[in-house]
């Protein structure tokens, strides 16, 4: 069988001179392809907050490079002063989005590299931080490939897959997480059909998922979020694949707003619901979904973003949570780079990652 090689978008990387983080501005897709080189703390923060870079793994990669870029600008000659600056950058960037745990994990990792070298000169510390950031990126490529392989084992030729939000190469580094099996299937000559929820209010499914799949030649159909039920009822969906921004210890999962509704519908229609994500999204310090902070965003995203004119009166109040939490009881399996976890997740996640189960 002749394999098709998918062209992957290089959406986050270190600039050639190492002084900036280069990103594909996802807020401009699908109509404009714009790359930005960011080096100032305020611009790096804004890129995360404004969703110019988005997707938990991609944010983690971006965080690693951002910490290095900002550390390079530090004028401190003494280790203590240098670390204080790094801690300040860590706290500032970490405040940009509260739900995706990858951001904190990778900021912590970069800071730990710097803090572990008190006897080294600043240039040596910077080089170690650069290597650590590159390692974060390379590890994500390896993780996404493994997740895609495990996920592909859950479906078969001709299956219809419902997606929500975007968890493809744009949100990660290579194949993606929830979209990874579709890209891998395309390379291996396996036909799958994607049904893409548009994902209101920021339209990540319409703007990004459909964009990625169409460019890769993967059969896909765009639907409004409130069409998922009828598509399931008509028998067009064999599995739901979604990504995750944080997985609690018990398997409760935070993902883009609307994900929990998809899970409830899938349970009603007897369709397996799979969460796909790297181990960096699993937060063993978080006992359950009630302890996951949910980001609230500007209501204008509901009323006016992507509309030529506002869809509602200016005085109408809006409630705009960016994420919701899917209860572990609604999840068929959680797919990680190490393997597939089945309920009870508190046991299977702990076993897969070599941790003692909390009592």
Protein backbone atom coordinates (compact mmCIF):
# COMPACT_ATOMS: atom_id res chain seq x y z
CA UNK A 1 0.00 0.00 0.00
CA UNK A 2 1.34 3.42 -0.95
CA UNK A 3 1.35 5.76 2.05
CA UNK A 4 0.44 9.43 1.88
CA UNK A 5 2.70 11.81 3.78
CA UNK A 6 0.72 14.57 5.47
CA UNK A 7 2.26 18.04 5.37
CA UNK A 8 2.37 19.33 8.93
CA UNK A 9 2.13 23.02 9.78
CA UNK A 10 5.08 24.42 11.74
CA UNK A 11 2.88 26.47 14.05
CA UNK A 12 5.20 27.10 17.04
CA UNK A 13 8.99 27.24 17.02
CA UNK A 14 11.99 29.25 18.10
CA UNK A 15 13.02 31.93 15.61
CA UNK A 16 16.18 31.33 13.61
CA UNK A 17 18.17 33.77 15.75
CA UNK A 18 16.76 32.38 19.01
CA UNK A 19 15.51 35.78 20.14
CA UNK A 20 11.78 35.30 19.53
CA UNK A 21 9.03 32.70 19.41
CA UNK A 22 7.61 32.28 15.91
CA UNK A 23 3.93 31.30 15.72
CA UNK A 24 1.22 30.90 13.15
CA UNK A 25 -1.50 33.33 14.30
CA UNK A 26 -4.47 30.98 14.67
CA UNK A 27 -6.84 33.88 15.29
CA UNK A 28 -6.46 34.85 11.61
CA UNK A 29 -7.24 31.43 10.13
CA UNK A 30 -8.64 30.19 7.82
CA UNK A 31 -8.70 33.30 5.64
CA UNK A 32 -5.23 34.65 6.38
CA UNK A 33 -1.95 32.84 7.02
CA UNK A 34 0.10 35.18 9.21
CA UNK A 35 3.26 34.32 11.14
CA UNK A 36 4.35 36.41 14.12
CA UNK A 37 7.72 36.67 15.86
CA UNK A 38 7.20 37.59 19.51
CA UNK A 39 9.85 38.52 22.04
CA UNK A 40 8.33 40.93 24.57
CA UNK A 41 6.62 39.60 27.68
CA UNK A 42 3.40 41.49 26.98
CA UNK A 43 3.20 40.15 23.43
CA UNK A 44 3.89 36.59 24.57
CA UNK A 45 1.17 36.86 27.22
CA UNK A 46 -1.28 38.35 24.72
CA UNK A 47 -0.63 35.57 22.21
CA UNK A 48 -1.84 32.98 24.74
CA UNK A 49 -4.73 35.04 26.10
CA UNK A 50 -5.99 36.08 22.65
CA UNK A 51 -5.72 32.52 21.30
CA UNK A 52 -3.11 33.37 18.71
CA UNK A 53 -1.49 30.22 20.00
CA UNK A 54 -3.96 27.69 21.41
CA UNK A 55 -4.35 24.01 22.18
CA UNK A 56 -2.94 22.74 25.47
CA UNK A 57 0.16 21.01 23.99
CA UNK A 58 0.95 23.95 21.68
CA UNK A 59 0.64 26.34 24.62
CA UNK A 60 3.10 24.14 26.54
CA UNK A 61 5.60 24.24 23.67
CA UNK A 62 5.12 28.00 23.37
CA UNK A 63 5.67 28.41 27.13
CA UNK A 64 9.01 26.62 26.96
CA UNK A 65 10.30 28.82 24.17
CA UNK A 66 8.83 31.97 25.76
CA UNK A 67 10.64 31.35 29.04
CA UNK A 68 13.93 30.94 27.18
CA UNK A 69 13.40 34.05 25.05
CA UNK A 70 12.60 36.17 28.12
CA UNK A 71 15.50 34.70 30.10
CA UNK A 72 17.86 35.78 27.29
CA UNK A 73 16.79 39.37 27.84
CA UNK A 74 17.63 39.35 31.54
CA UNK A 75 20.43 41.78 32.42
CA UNK A 76 21.20 40.11 35.76
CA UNK A 77 24.79 38.97 36.22
CA UNK A 78 24.21 37.12 39.49
CA UNK A 79 22.36 33.82 39.80
CA UNK A 80 19.92 35.05 42.46
CA UNK A 81 18.86 38.07 40.43
CA UNK A 82 18.54 35.94 37.29
CA UNK A 83 16.27 33.43 39.04
CA UNK A 84 14.09 36.21 40.43
CA UNK A 85 13.54 37.47 36.88
CA UNK A 86 12.73 33.95 35.66
CA UNK A 87 10.21 33.51 38.48
CA UNK A 88 8.57 36.81 37.56
CA UNK A 89 8.22 35.72 33.93
CA UNK A 90 6.87 32.34 35.09
CA UNK A 91 4.13 33.96 37.20
CA UNK A 92 3.19 36.45 34.49
CA UNK A 93 2.85 33.93 31.67
CA UNK A 94 1.07 31.43 33.92
CA UNK A 95 -1.68 33.99 34.58
CA UNK A 96 -2.61 34.20 30.89
CA UNK A 97 -4.95 31.17 30.91
CA UNK A 98 -5.90 29.18 34.03
CA UNK A 99 -7.43 25.95 32.71
CA UNK A 100 -4.80 24.29 30.49
CA UNK A 101 -2.39 22.60 32.88
CA UNK A 102 0.30 22.18 30.20
CA UNK A 103 1.11 25.87 30.52
CA UNK A 104 2.04 25.59 34.19
CA UNK A 105 3.75 22.21 33.76
CA UNK A 106 6.12 23.51 31.10
CA UNK A 107 6.76 26.84 32.84
CA UNK A 108 7.59 24.87 36.00
CA UNK A 109 9.92 22.64 34.01
CA UNK A 110 11.80 25.55 32.48
CA UNK A 111 12.13 27.32 35.82
CA UNK A 112 13.37 24.11 37.45
CA UNK A 113 16.17 23.87 34.87
CA UNK A 114 17.37 27.35 35.76
CA UNK A 115 17.02 26.83 39.50
CA UNK A 116 19.03 23.60 39.35
CA UNK A 117 22.22 25.35 38.18
CA UNK A 118 23.31 27.75 40.98
CA UNK A 119 27.00 27.15 40.34
CA UNK A 120 26.90 27.77 36.59
CA UNK A 121 27.35 30.99 34.65
CA UNK A 122 24.31 32.64 33.06
CA UNK A 123 25.26 31.66 29.51
CA UNK A 124 25.42 27.99 30.51
CA UNK A 125 22.02 28.23 32.20
CA UNK A 126 20.54 29.85 29.10
CA UNK A 127 21.89 27.07 26.89
CA UNK A 128 20.36 24.47 29.20
CA UNK A 129 17.04 26.30 29.05
CA UNK A 130 17.20 26.37 25.25
CA UNK A 131 17.84 22.64 25.14
CA UNK A 132 14.97 22.04 27.58
CA UNK A 133 12.57 24.04 25.38
CA UNK A 134 13.60 22.07 22.30
CA UNK A 135 13.16 18.84 24.26
CA UNK A 136 9.59 19.84 25.23
CA UNK A 137 8.82 20.33 21.53
CA UNK A 138 10.39 17.06 20.43
CA UNK A 139 8.70 15.12 23.22
CA UNK A 140 5.32 16.43 22.09
CA UNK A 141 5.95 15.19 18.55
CA UNK A 142 6.73 11.74 19.93
CA UNK A 143 3.71 11.83 22.26
CA UNK A 144 1.30 12.90 19.52
CA UNK A 145 2.50 10.13 17.22
CA UNK A 146 1.95 7.53 19.95
CA UNK A 147 -1.49 8.94 20.89
CA UNK A 148 -2.51 8.86 17.22
CA UNK A 149 -1.47 5.22 16.94
CA UNK A 150 -3.39 4.20 20.06
CA UNK A 151 -6.44 6.17 18.96
CA UNK A 152 -6.44 4.63 15.50
CA UNK A 153 -6.74 1.20 17.11
CA UNK A 154 -10.19 2.19 18.42
CA UNK A 155 -11.82 2.74 15.02
CA UNK A 156 -12.10 0.94 11.71
CA UNK A 157 -12.31 1.63 7.99
CA UNK A 158 -15.29 3.78 7.08
CA UNK A 159 -16.11 5.00 10.59
CA UNK A 160 -17.59 8.43 11.19
CA UNK A 161 -15.80 10.43 13.91
CA UNK A 162 -17.37 13.42 15.65
CA UNK A 163 -14.87 16.08 16.74
CA UNK A 164 -15.29 19.12 18.96
CA UNK A 165 -12.99 22.15 19.02
CA UNK A 166 -9.55 21.60 17.48
CA UNK A 167 -6.95 19.07 18.58
CA UNK A 168 -4.92 18.61 15.42
CA UNK A 169 -1.42 19.74 14.39
CA UNK A 170 -2.33 23.39 14.99
CA UNK A 171 -3.04 22.64 18.65
CA UNK A 172 0.03 20.47 19.13
CA UNK A 173 3.20 19.78 17.22
CA UNK A 174 2.55 17.12 14.59
CA UNK A 175 -0.45 14.80 14.12
CA UNK A 176 -2.43 16.20 17.02
CA UNK A 177 -4.24 14.37 19.79
CA UNK A 178 -7.97 13.94 19.06
CA UNK A 179 -7.42 14.53 15.33
CA UNK A 180 -4.21 12.52 15.24
CA UNK A 181 -5.88 9.20 14.35
CA UNK A 182 -7.53 10.84 11.33
CA UNK A 183 -4.20 12.15 10.01
CA UNK A 184 -2.47 8.85 10.67
CA UNK A 185 -5.34 6.97 9.00
CA UNK A 186 -4.95 9.17 5.92
CA UNK A 187 -1.24 8.37 5.72
CA UNK A 188 -1.96 4.64 5.98
CA UNK A 189 -4.77 4.59 3.43
CA UNK A 190 -7.60 4.07 5.94
CA UNK A 191 -10.77 6.02 5.14
CA UNK A 192 -12.46 7.81 8.04
CA UNK A 193 -15.04 10.60 7.87
CA UNK A 194 -14.89 13.51 10.30
CA UNK A 195 -17.98 15.39 11.44
CA UNK A 196 -16.70 18.68 12.81
CA UNK A 197 -18.67 20.63 15.40
CA UNK A 198 -18.20 24.31 14.58
CA UNK A 199 -17.50 24.95 18.31
CA UNK A 200 -19.13 28.21 19.29
CA UNK A 201 -18.33 30.94 20.11
CA UNK A 202 -14.77 31.00 18.74
CA UNK A 203 -15.41 28.50 15.93
CA UNK A 204 -12.27 26.42 16.37
CA UNK A 205 -13.98 23.51 14.64
CA UNK A 206 -15.09 25.58 11.65
CA UNK A 207 -11.98 27.74 11.34
CA UNK A 208 -9.25 25.29 12.33
CA UNK A 209 -10.34 21.63 12.36
CA UNK A 210 -12.13 21.78 9.01
CA UNK A 211 -9.20 23.82 7.64
CA UNK A 212 -6.62 21.25 8.69
CA UNK A 213 -8.62 18.24 7.52
CA UNK A 214 -9.54 19.80 4.17
CA UNK A 215 -5.92 20.75 3.47
CA UNK A 216 -4.82 17.21 4.27
CA UNK A 217 -7.42 15.69 1.95
CA UNK A 218 -9.35 14.05 4.79
CA UNK A 219 -13.09 13.68 4.21
CA UNK A 220 -14.91 16.03 6.57
CA UNK A 221 -18.29 17.66 7.06
CA UNK A 222 -18.88 20.80 9.13
CA UNK A 223 -21.95 20.96 11.37
CA UNK A 224 -23.32 23.44 13.89
CA UNK A 225 -22.87 22.34 17.49
CA UNK A 226 -26.62 21.80 17.91
CA UNK A 227 -26.66 19.36 14.99
CA UNK A 228 -24.60 16.72 16.78
CA UNK A 229 -27.68 14.98 18.16
CA UNK A 230 -29.39 14.41 14.82
CA UNK A 231 -26.16 13.26 13.18
CA UNK A 232 -25.75 10.69 15.97
CA UNK A 233 -29.39 9.61 15.71
CA UNK A 234 -29.00 9.07 11.97
CA UNK A 235 -26.20 6.59 12.63
CA UNK A 236 -23.44 8.65 11.05
CA UNK A 237 -21.20 8.66 14.15
CA UNK A 238 -19.23 5.62 15.33
CA UNK A 239 -17.04 7.39 17.89
CA UNK A 240 -16.39 10.82 19.41
CA UNK A 241 -12.78 11.98 19.67
CA UNK A 242 -12.03 15.07 21.80
CA UNK A 243 -8.89 16.59 23.26
CA UNK A 244 -8.37 17.84 26.80
CA UNK A 245 -6.89 20.80 28.61
CA UNK A 246 -6.77 19.15 32.03
CA UNK A 247 -7.57 15.67 33.30
CA UNK A 248 -8.24 15.34 37.03
CA UNK A 249 -7.05 12.35 39.02
CA UNK A 250 -10.47 10.68 38.85
CA UNK A 251 -10.74 11.11 35.07
CA UNK A 252 -12.98 14.19 35.00
CA UNK A 253 -11.82 16.16 31.97
CA UNK A 254 -11.86 19.86 31.10
CA UNK A 255 -12.10 20.65 27.42
CA UNK A 256 -13.58 23.33 25.19
CA UNK A 257 -17.07 24.47 26.14
CA UNK A 258 -19.68 22.11 24.72
CA UNK A 259 -17.64 18.95 25.17
CA UNK A 260 -19.72 17.70 28.11
CA UNK A 261 -22.88 18.08 26.02
CA UNK A 262 -21.35 15.91 23.29
CA UNK A 263 -20.51 13.28 25.92
CA UNK A 264 -24.10 13.28 27.24
CA UNK A 265 -25.47 12.84 23.72
CA UNK A 266 -22.99 10.06 23.00
CA UNK A 267 -24.08 8.21 26.13
CA UNK A 268 -27.74 8.53 25.08
CA UNK A 269 -27.06 7.11 21.61
CA UNK A 270 -24.62 4.41 22.78
CA UNK A 271 -21.59 5.91 21.02
CA UNK A 272 -18.11 5.58 22.56
CA UNK A 273 -16.65 8.85 23.77
CA UNK A 274 -12.85 9.04 23.82
CA UNK A 275 -10.59 11.70 25.34
CA UNK A 276 -7.12 11.90 23.76
CA UNK A 277 -4.27 13.84 25.33
CA UNK A 278 -0.64 13.68 26.44
CA UNK A 279 0.39 12.87 29.99
CA UNK A 280 1.24 16.57 30.49
CA UNK A 281 -2.51 17.31 30.64
CA UNK A 282 -3.07 14.89 33.55
CA UNK A 283 -3.07 16.73 36.86
CA UNK A 284 -2.65 14.20 39.67
CA UNK A 285 -2.78 17.04 42.21
CA UNK A 286 -6.36 17.79 41.15
CA UNK A 287 -8.79 15.27 42.68
CA UNK A 288 -11.80 15.91 40.42
CA UNK A 289 -13.46 18.29 38.01
CA UNK A 290 -14.86 20.51 40.75
CA UNK A 291 -11.28 21.61 41.44
CA UNK A 292 -10.47 22.59 37.84
CA UNK A 293 -10.56 26.40 37.36
CA UNK A 294 -12.75 27.44 34.44
CA UNK A 295 -11.70 30.46 32.42
CA UNK A 296 -14.40 33.08 31.83
CA UNK A 297 -13.99 35.20 28.71
CA UNK A 298 -15.41 38.43 27.33
CA UNK A 299 -19.08 38.18 26.37
CA UNK A 300 -18.40 40.06 23.14
CA UNK A 301 -17.04 36.79 21.78
CA UNK A 302 -20.66 35.58 21.82
CA UNK A 303 -22.33 38.73 20.54
CA UNK A 304 -19.97 40.30 18.02
CA UNK A 305 -16.88 38.25 17.18
CA UNK A 306 -17.09 36.86 13.64
CA UNK A 307 -20.34 38.77 13.00
CA UNK A 308 -20.53 41.71 10.62
CA UNK A 309 -22.94 43.28 13.11
CA UNK A 310 -23.66 42.29 16.73
CA UNK A 311 -26.14 39.44 17.08
CA UNK A 312 -27.68 40.87 20.25
CA UNK A 313 -28.40 44.21 21.89
CA UNK A 314 -25.41 45.85 23.64
CA UNK A 315 -27.12 45.73 27.05
CA UNK A 316 -27.75 41.97 26.92
CA UNK A 317 -25.62 40.17 29.51
CA UNK A 318 -23.46 37.20 28.47
CA UNK A 319 -21.97 34.25 30.30
CA UNK A 320 -18.96 32.92 28.41
CA UNK A 321 -17.06 30.04 30.08
CA UNK A 322 -14.30 28.83 27.78
CA UNK A 323 -14.37 25.24 29.06
CA UNK A 324 -16.63 22.72 30.70
CA UNK A 325 -15.89 19.52 32.60
CA UNK A 326 -16.97 16.11 31.33
CA UNK A 327 -17.72 13.71 34.14
CA UNK A 328 -15.53 10.60 34.14
CA UNK A 329 -18.66 8.41 34.07
CA UNK A 330 -19.37 9.65 30.52
CA UNK A 331 -15.89 8.82 29.17
CA UNK A 332 -15.31 5.46 27.49
CA UNK A 333 -11.51 5.69 27.60
CA UNK A 334 -8.67 8.19 27.98
CA UNK A 335 -5.95 7.76 25.34
CA UNK A 336 -2.40 8.82 26.28
CA UNK A 337 1.00 8.29 24.70
CA UNK A 338 1.60 5.41 27.13
CA UNK A 339 -1.60 3.57 26.33
CA UNK A 340 -5.37 3.54 26.74
CA UNK A 341 -6.94 3.92 30.18
CA UNK A 342 -10.38 2.51 30.96
CA UNK A 343 -12.61 3.06 34.01
CA UNK A 344 -12.10 3.28 36.89
CA UNK A 345 -9.72 6.03 35.82
CA UNK A 346 -8.35 6.73 39.28
CA UNK A 347 -6.90 3.22 39.18
CA UNK A 348 -5.93 2.97 35.51
CA UNK A 349 -4.26 6.40 35.31
CA UNK A 350 -2.32 5.76 38.51
CA UNK A 351 -1.22 2.33 37.27
CA UNK A 352 -0.18 3.56 33.82
CA UNK A 353 1.87 6.42 35.22
CA UNK A 354 3.34 4.56 38.18
CA UNK A 355 1.62 6.51 40.92
CA UNK A 356 0.01 5.28 44.11
CA UNK A 357 -3.75 5.56 44.14
CA UNK A 358 -4.96 8.27 46.49
CA UNK A 359 -7.02 6.95 49.42
